[in-house]
Amino acid sequence: PVDVLGLVRAGSLPSVSTAEVAALVALPVL
């Protein structure tokens, strides 16, 4: 998940939604 944000921003993972990225980022913050 720590790599996903960069991959989504680069356009490499179009199948991952913004909500999923937000949840992936939120979980370690929580």
PDB file of all heavy atoms in Angstrom:
ATOM      1  N   PRO A   1       0.801  -1.229   0.000  1.00  0.00           N
ATOM      2  CA  PRO A   1       0.000   0.000   0.000  1.00  0.00           C
ATOM      3  C   PRO A   1       0.834   1.279   0.000  1.00  0.00           C
ATOM      4  O   PRO A   1       0.422   2.284  -0.555  1.00  0.00           O
ATOM      5  CB  PRO A   1      -0.827  -0.116   1.285  1.00  0.00           C
ATOM      6  CG  PRO A   1      -0.993  -1.573   1.468  1.00  0.00           C
ATOM      7  CD  PRO A   1       0.313  -2.171   1.006  1.00  0.00           C
ATOM      8  N   VAL A   2       2.013   1.226   0.595  1.00  0.00           N
ATOM      9  CA  VAL A   2       2.863   2.416   0.622  1.00  0.00           C
ATOM     10  C   VAL A   2       3.318   2.805  -0.795  1.00  0.00           C
ATOM     11  O   VAL A   2       3.593   3.969  -1.072  1.00  0.00           O
ATOM     12  CB  VAL A   2       4.057   2.204   1.587  1.00  0.00           C
ATOM     13  CG1 VAL A   2       5.121   1.346   0.982  1.00  0.00           C
ATOM     14  CG2 VAL A   2       4.604   3.507   2.085  1.00  0.00           C
ATOM     15  N   ASP A   3       3.358   1.840  -1.716  1.00  0.00           N
ATOM     16  CA  ASP A   3       3.744   2.109  -3.100  1.00  0.00           C
ATOM     17  C   ASP A   3       2.566   2.496  -3.987  1.00  0.00           C
ATOM     18  O   ASP A   3       2.759   3.057  -5.061  1.00  0.00           O
ATOM     19  CB  ASP A   3       4.385   0.853  -3.722  1.00  0.00           C
ATOM     20  CG  ASP A   3       5.578   0.372  -2.939  1.00  0.00           C
ATOM     21  OD1 ASP A   3       6.319   1.217  -2.419  1.00  0.00           O
ATOM     22  OD2 ASP A   3       5.748  -0.860  -2.838  1.00  0.00           O
ATOM     23  N   VAL A   4       1.367   2.197  -3.553  1.00  0.00           N
ATOM     24  CA  VAL A   4       0.193   2.355  -4.401  1.00  0.00           C
ATOM     25  C   VAL A   4      -0.062   3.810  -4.766  1.00  0.00           C
ATOM     26  O   VAL A   4      -0.417   4.118  -5.902  1.00  0.00           O
ATOM     27  CB  VAL A   4      -1.053   1.731  -3.728  1.00  0.00           C
ATOM     28  CG1 VAL A   4      -2.322   2.084  -4.468  1.00  0.00           C
ATOM     29  CG2 VAL A   4      -0.882   0.233  -3.653  1.00  0.00           C
ATOM     30  N   LEU A   5       0.114   4.714  -3.824  1.00  0.00           N
ATOM     31  CA  LEU A   5      -0.151   6.120  -4.099  1.00  0.00           C
ATOM     32  C   LEU A   5       0.685   6.616  -5.275  1.00  0.00           C
ATOM     33  O   LEU A   5       0.170   7.266  -6.184  1.00  0.00           O
ATOM     34  CB  LEU A   5       0.111   6.970  -2.858  1.00  0.00           C
ATOM     35  CG  LEU A   5      -0.233   8.442  -2.958  1.00  0.00           C
ATOM     36  CD1 LEU A   5      -1.705   8.629  -3.275  1.00  0.00           C
ATOM     37  CD2 LEU A   5       0.120   9.166  -1.675  1.00  0.00           C
ATOM     38  N   GLY A   6       1.966   6.278  -5.289  1.00  0.00           N
ATOM     39  CA  GLY A   6       2.830   6.671  -6.405  1.00  0.00           C
ATOM     40  C   GLY A   6       2.408   6.029  -7.713  1.00  0.00           C
ATOM     41  O   GLY A   6       2.448   6.675  -8.767  1.00  0.00           O
ATOM     42  N   LEU A   7       2.001   4.772  -7.668  1.00  0.00           N
ATOM     43  CA  LEU A   7       1.566   4.082  -8.879  1.00  0.00           C
ATOM     44  C   LEU A   7       0.274   4.677  -9.439  1.00  0.00           C
ATOM     45  O   LEU A   7       0.114   4.811 -10.647  1.00  0.00           O
ATOM     46  CB  LEU A   7       1.382   2.588  -8.599  1.00  0.00           C
ATOM     47  CG  LEU A   7       2.658   1.803  -8.305  1.00  0.00           C
ATOM     48  CD1 LEU A   7       2.315   0.397  -7.819  1.00  0.00           C
ATOM     49  CD2 LEU A   7       3.553   1.754  -9.523  1.00  0.00           C
ATOM     50  N   VAL A   8      -0.648   5.042  -8.544  1.00  0.00           N
ATOM     51  CA  VAL A   8      -1.905   5.635  -8.996  1.00  0.00           C
ATOM     52  C   VAL A   8      -1.651   7.027  -9.580  1.00  0.00           C
ATOM     53  O   VAL A   8      -2.194   7.381 -10.623  1.00  0.00           O
ATOM     54  CB  VAL A   8      -2.930   5.697  -7.840  1.00  0.00           C
ATOM     55  CG1 VAL A   8      -4.130   6.539  -8.194  1.00  0.00           C
ATOM     56  CG2 VAL A   8      -3.371   4.290  -7.468  1.00  0.00           C
ATOM     57  N   ARG A   9      -0.784   7.796  -8.932  1.00  0.00           N
ATOM     58  CA  ARG A   9      -0.473   9.139  -9.445  1.00  0.00           C
ATOM     59  C   ARG A   9       0.225   9.071 -10.799  1.00  0.00           C
ATOM     60  O   ARG A   9       0.054   9.953 -11.633  1.00  0.00           O
ATOM     61  CB  ARG A   9       0.398   9.892  -8.444  1.00  0.00           C
ATOM     62  CG  ARG A   9      -0.373  10.234  -7.183  1.00  0.00           C
ATOM     63  CD  ARG A   9       0.477  10.953  -6.192  1.00  0.00           C
ATOM     64  NE  ARG A   9       0.545  12.360  -6.604  1.00  0.00           N
ATOM     65  CZ  ARG A   9       1.411  13.210  -6.120  1.00  0.00           C
ATOM     66  NH1 ARG A   9       2.290  12.828  -5.220  1.00  0.00           N
ATOM     67  NH2 ARG A   9       1.405  14.473  -6.517  1.00  0.00           N
ATOM     68  N   ALA A  10       0.995   8.012 -11.040  1.00  0.00           N
ATOM     69  CA  ALA A  10       1.685   7.845 -12.318  1.00  0.00           C
ATOM     70  C   ALA A  10       0.755   7.275 -13.392  1.00  0.00           C
ATOM     71  O   ALA A  10       1.136   7.189 -14.552  1.00  0.00           O
ATOM     72  CB  ALA A  10       2.893   6.934 -12.145  1.00  0.00           C
ATOM     73  N   GLY A  11      -0.447   6.846 -12.998  1.00  0.00           N
ATOM     74  CA  GLY A  11      -1.394   6.294 -13.954  1.00  0.00           C
ATOM     75  C   GLY A  11      -1.192   4.816 -14.233  1.00  0.00           C
ATOM     76  O   GLY A  11      -1.783   4.271 -15.159  1.00  0.00           O
ATOM     77  N   SER A  12      -0.376   4.151 -13.445  1.00  0.00           N
ATOM     78  CA  SER A  12      -0.087   2.733 -13.661  1.00  0.00           C
ATOM     79  C   SER A  12      -1.188   1.809 -13.143  1.00  0.00           C
ATOM     80  O   SER A  12      -1.228   0.645 -13.514  1.00  0.00           O
ATOM     81  CB  SER A  12       1.227   2.351 -12.976  1.00  0.00           C
ATOM     82  OG  SER A  12       2.279   3.122 -13.486  1.00  0.00           O
ATOM     83  N   LEU A  13      -2.033   2.303 -12.266  1.00  0.00           N
ATOM     84  CA  LEU A  13      -3.089   1.476 -11.670  1.00  0.00           C
ATOM     85  C   LEU A  13      -4.452   2.138 -11.862  1.00  0.00           C
ATOM     86  O   LEU A  13      -5.066   2.618 -10.918  1.00  0.00           O
ATOM     87  CB  LEU A  13      -2.840   1.270 -10.176  1.00  0.00           C
ATOM     88  CG  LEU A  13      -1.709   0.339  -9.785  1.00  0.00           C
ATOM     89  CD1 LEU A  13      -1.531   0.334  -8.278  1.00  0.00           C
ATOM     90  CD2 LEU A  13      -1.956  -1.055 -10.283  1.00  0.00           C
ATOM     91  N   PRO A  14      -4.970   2.137 -13.071  1.00  0.00           N
ATOM     92  CA  PRO A  14      -6.276   2.765 -13.280  1.00  0.00           C
ATOM     93  C   PRO A  14      -7.427   1.995 -12.636  1.00  0.00           C
ATOM     94  O   PRO A  14      -8.508   2.545 -12.442  1.00  0.00           O
ATOM     95  CB  PRO A  14      -6.417   2.785 -14.801  1.00  0.00           C
ATOM     96  CG  PRO A  14      -5.543   1.684 -15.283  1.00  0.00           C
ATOM     97  CD  PRO A  14      -4.411   1.589 -14.300  1.00  0.00           C
ATOM     98  N   SER A  15      -7.205   0.728 -12.278  1.00  0.00           N
ATOM     99  CA  SER A  15      -8.274  -0.078 -11.688  1.00  0.00           C
ATOM    100  C   SER A  15      -8.506   0.232 -10.211  1.00  0.00           C
ATOM    101  O   SER A  15      -9.495  -0.195  -9.640  1.00  0.00           O
ATOM    102  CB  SER A  15      -7.953  -1.558 -11.851  1.00  0.00           C
ATOM    103  OG  SER A  15      -6.782  -1.879 -11.133  1.00  0.00           O
ATOM    104  N   VAL A  16      -7.604   0.990  -9.582  1.00  0.00           N
ATOM    105  CA  VAL A  16      -7.739   1.322  -8.168  1.00  0.00           C
ATOM    106  C   VAL A  16      -8.413   2.687  -8.055  1.00  0.00           C
ATOM    107  O   VAL A  16      -7.944   3.670  -8.625  1.00  0.00           O
ATOM    108  CB  VAL A  16      -6.359   1.338  -7.471  1.00  0.00           C
ATOM    109  CG1 VAL A  16      -6.506   1.713  -6.010  1.00  0.00           C
ATOM    110  CG2 VAL A  16      -5.691  -0.020  -7.596  1.00  0.00           C
ATOM    111  N   SER A  17      -9.526   2.729  -7.324  1.00  0.00           N
ATOM    112  CA  SER A  17     -10.289   3.972  -7.210  1.00  0.00           C
ATOM    113  C   SER A  17      -9.657   4.926  -6.201  1.00  0.00           C
ATOM    114  O   SER A  17      -8.838   4.534  -5.368  1.00  0.00           O
ATOM    115  CB  SER A  17     -11.725   3.670  -6.792  1.00  0.00           C
ATOM    116  OG  SER A  17     -11.757   3.288  -5.435  1.00  0.00           O
ATOM    117  N   THR A  18     -10.089   6.162  -6.250  1.00  0.00           N
ATOM    118  CA  THR A  18      -9.605   7.184  -5.323  1.00  0.00           C
ATOM    119  C   THR A  18      -9.990   6.840  -3.893  1.00  0.00           C
ATOM    120  O   THR A  18      -9.210   7.053  -2.966  1.00  0.00           O
ATOM    121  CB  THR A  18     -10.189   8.562  -5.706  1.00  0.00           C
ATOM    122  OG1 THR A  18      -9.889   8.807  -7.078  1.00  0.00           O
ATOM    123  CG2 THR A  18      -9.609   9.662  -4.864  1.00  0.00           C
ATOM    124  N   ALA A  19     -11.182   6.298  -3.696  1.00  0.00           N
ATOM    125  CA  ALA A  19     -11.627   5.910  -2.353  1.00  0.00           C
ATOM    126  C   ALA A  19     -10.745   4.805  -1.785  1.00  0.00           C
ATOM    127  O   ALA A  19     -10.421   4.809  -0.595  1.00  0.00           O
ATOM    128  CB  ALA A  19     -13.076   5.465  -2.386  1.00  0.00           C
ATOM    129  N   GLU A  20     -10.357   3.857  -2.617  1.00  0.00           N
ATOM    130  CA  GLU A  20      -9.480   2.777  -2.157  1.00  0.00           C
ATOM    131  C   GLU A  20      -8.104   3.321  -1.794  1.00  0.00           C
ATOM    132  O   GLU A  20      -7.507   2.899  -0.800  1.00  0.00           O
ATOM    133  CB  GLU A  20      -9.366   1.706  -3.236  1.00  0.00           C
ATOM    134  CG  GLU A  20     -10.653   0.945  -3.441  1.00  0.00           C
ATOM    135  CD  GLU A  20     -10.655   0.106  -4.705  1.00  0.00           C
ATOM    136  OE1 GLU A  20      -9.825   0.332  -5.609  1.00  0.00           O
ATOM    137  OE2 GLU A  20     -11.507  -0.789  -4.778  1.00  0.00           O
ATOM    138  N   VAL A  21      -7.608   4.251  -2.582  1.00  0.00           N
ATOM    139  CA  VAL A  21      -6.311   4.867  -2.274  1.00  0.00           C
ATOM    140  C   VAL A  21      -6.399   5.630  -0.955  1.00  0.00           C
ATOM    141  O   VAL A  21      -5.499   5.539  -0.109  1.00  0.00           O
ATOM    142  CB  VAL A  21      -5.848   5.796  -3.414  1.00  0.00           C
ATOM    143  CG1 VAL A  21      -4.626   6.596  -3.007  1.00  0.00           C
ATOM    144  CG2 VAL A  21      -5.558   4.986  -4.664  1.00  0.00           C
ATOM    145  N   ALA A  22      -7.488   6.370  -0.764  1.00  0.00           N
ATOM    146  CA  ALA A  22      -7.672   7.111   0.485  1.00  0.00           C
ATOM    147  C   ALA A  22      -7.708   6.158   1.681  1.00  0.00           C
ATOM    148  O   ALA A  22      -7.115   6.433   2.726  1.00  0.00           O
ATOM    149  CB  ALA A  22      -8.952   7.936   0.416  1.00  0.00           C
ATOM    150  N   ALA A  23      -8.388   5.027   1.535  1.00  0.00           N
ATOM    151  CA  ALA A  23      -8.458   4.044   2.619  1.00  0.00           C
ATOM    152  C   ALA A  23      -7.089   3.413   2.871  1.00  0.00           C
ATOM    153  O   ALA A  23      -6.704   3.189   4.020  1.00  0.00           O
ATOM    154  CB  ALA A  23      -9.480   2.969   2.294  1.00  0.00           C
ATOM    155  N   LEU A  24      -6.352   3.137   1.803  1.00  0.00           N
ATOM    156  CA  LEU A  24      -5.013   2.563   1.951  1.00  0.00           C
ATOM    157  C   LEU A  24      -4.074   3.523   2.671  1.00  0.00           C
ATOM    158  O   LEU A  24      -3.195   3.106   3.430  1.00  0.00           O
ATOM    159  CB  LEU A  24      -4.428   2.192   0.590  1.00  0.00           C
ATOM    160  CG  LEU A  24      -4.972   0.922  -0.047  1.00  0.00           C
ATOM    161  CD1 LEU A  24      -4.511   0.804  -1.493  1.00  0.00           C
ATOM    162  CD2 LEU A  24      -4.533  -0.300   0.740  1.00  0.00           C
ATOM    163  N   VAL A  25      -4.256   4.806   2.434  1.00  0.00           N
ATOM    164  CA  VAL A  25      -3.427   5.815   3.104  1.00  0.00           C
ATOM    165  C   VAL A  25      -3.913   6.039   4.533  1.00  0.00           C
ATOM    166  O   VAL A  25      -3.109   6.243   5.446  1.00  0.00           O
ATOM    167  CB  VAL A  25      -3.434   7.134   2.295  1.00  0.00           C
ATOM    168  CG1 VAL A  25      -2.783   8.264   3.063  1.00  0.00           C
ATOM    169  CG2 VAL A  25      -2.740   6.933   0.951  1.00  0.00           C
ATOM    170  N   ALA A  26      -5.229   6.001   4.732  1.00  0.00           N
ATOM    171  CA  ALA A  26      -5.800   6.275   6.054  1.00  0.00           C
ATOM    172  C   ALA A  26      -5.475   5.192   7.073  1.00  0.00           C
ATOM    173  O   ALA A  26      -5.288   5.492   8.257  1.00  0.00           O
ATOM    174  CB  ALA A  26      -7.312   6.436   5.946  1.00  0.00           C
ATOM    175  N   LEU A  27      -5.397   3.950   6.647  1.00  0.00           N
ATOM    176  CA  LEU A  27      -5.208   2.855   7.605  1.00  0.00           C
ATOM    177  C   LEU A  27      -3.901   2.964   8.395  1.00  0.00           C
ATOM    178  O   LEU A  27      -3.931   2.874   9.623  1.00  0.00           O
ATOM    179  CB  LEU A  27      -5.327   1.507   6.888  1.00  0.00           C
ATOM    180  CG  LEU A  27      -5.572   0.307   7.788  1.00  0.00           C
ATOM    181  CD1 LEU A  27      -6.789   0.511   8.674  1.00  0.00           C
ATOM    182  CD2 LEU A  27      -5.743  -0.939   6.954  1.00  0.00           C
ATOM    183  N   PRO A  28      -2.751   3.200   7.766  1.00  0.00           N
ATOM    184  CA  PRO A  28      -1.549   3.369   8.586  1.00  0.00           C
ATOM    185  C   PRO A  28      -1.565   4.647   9.425  1.00  0.00           C
ATOM    186  O   PRO A  28      -0.978   4.682  10.516  1.00  0.00           O
ATOM    187  CB  PRO A  28      -0.403   3.381   7.574  1.00  0.00           C
ATOM    188  CG  PRO A  28      -1.013   3.574   6.253  1.00  0.00           C
ATOM    189  CD  PRO A  28      -2.437   3.138   6.348  1.00  0.00           C
ATOM    190  N   VAL A  29      -2.261   5.675   8.950  1.00  0.00           N
ATOM    191  CA  VAL A  29      -2.383   6.898   9.748  1.00  0.00           C
ATOM    192  C   VAL A  29      -3.201   6.612  11.008  1.00  0.00           C
ATOM    193  O   VAL A  29      -2.840   7.045  12.108  1.00  0.00           O
ATOM    194  CB  VAL A  29      -3.008   8.037   8.914  1.00  0.00           C
ATOM    195  CG1 VAL A  29      -3.332   9.242   9.778  1.00  0.00           C
ATOM    196  CG2 VAL A  29      -2.083   8.423   7.768  1.00  0.00           C
ATOM    197  N   LEU A  30      -4.285   5.867  10.849  1.00  0.00           N
ATOM    198  CA  LEU A  30      -5.082   5.461  12.010  1.00  0.00           C
ATOM    199  C   LEU A  30      -4.258   4.597  12.954  1.00  0.00           C
ATOM    200  O   LEU A  30      -4.335   4.745  14.177  1.00  0.00           O
ATOM    201  CB  LEU A  30      -6.341   4.720  11.563  1.00  0.00           C
ATOM    202  CG  LEU A  30      -7.413   5.556  10.879  1.00  0.00           C
ATOM    203  CD1 LEU A  30      -8.471   4.659  10.242  1.00  0.00           C
ATOM    204  CD2 LEU A  30      -8.046   6.519  11.862  1.00  0.00           C
TER     205      LEU A  30
END
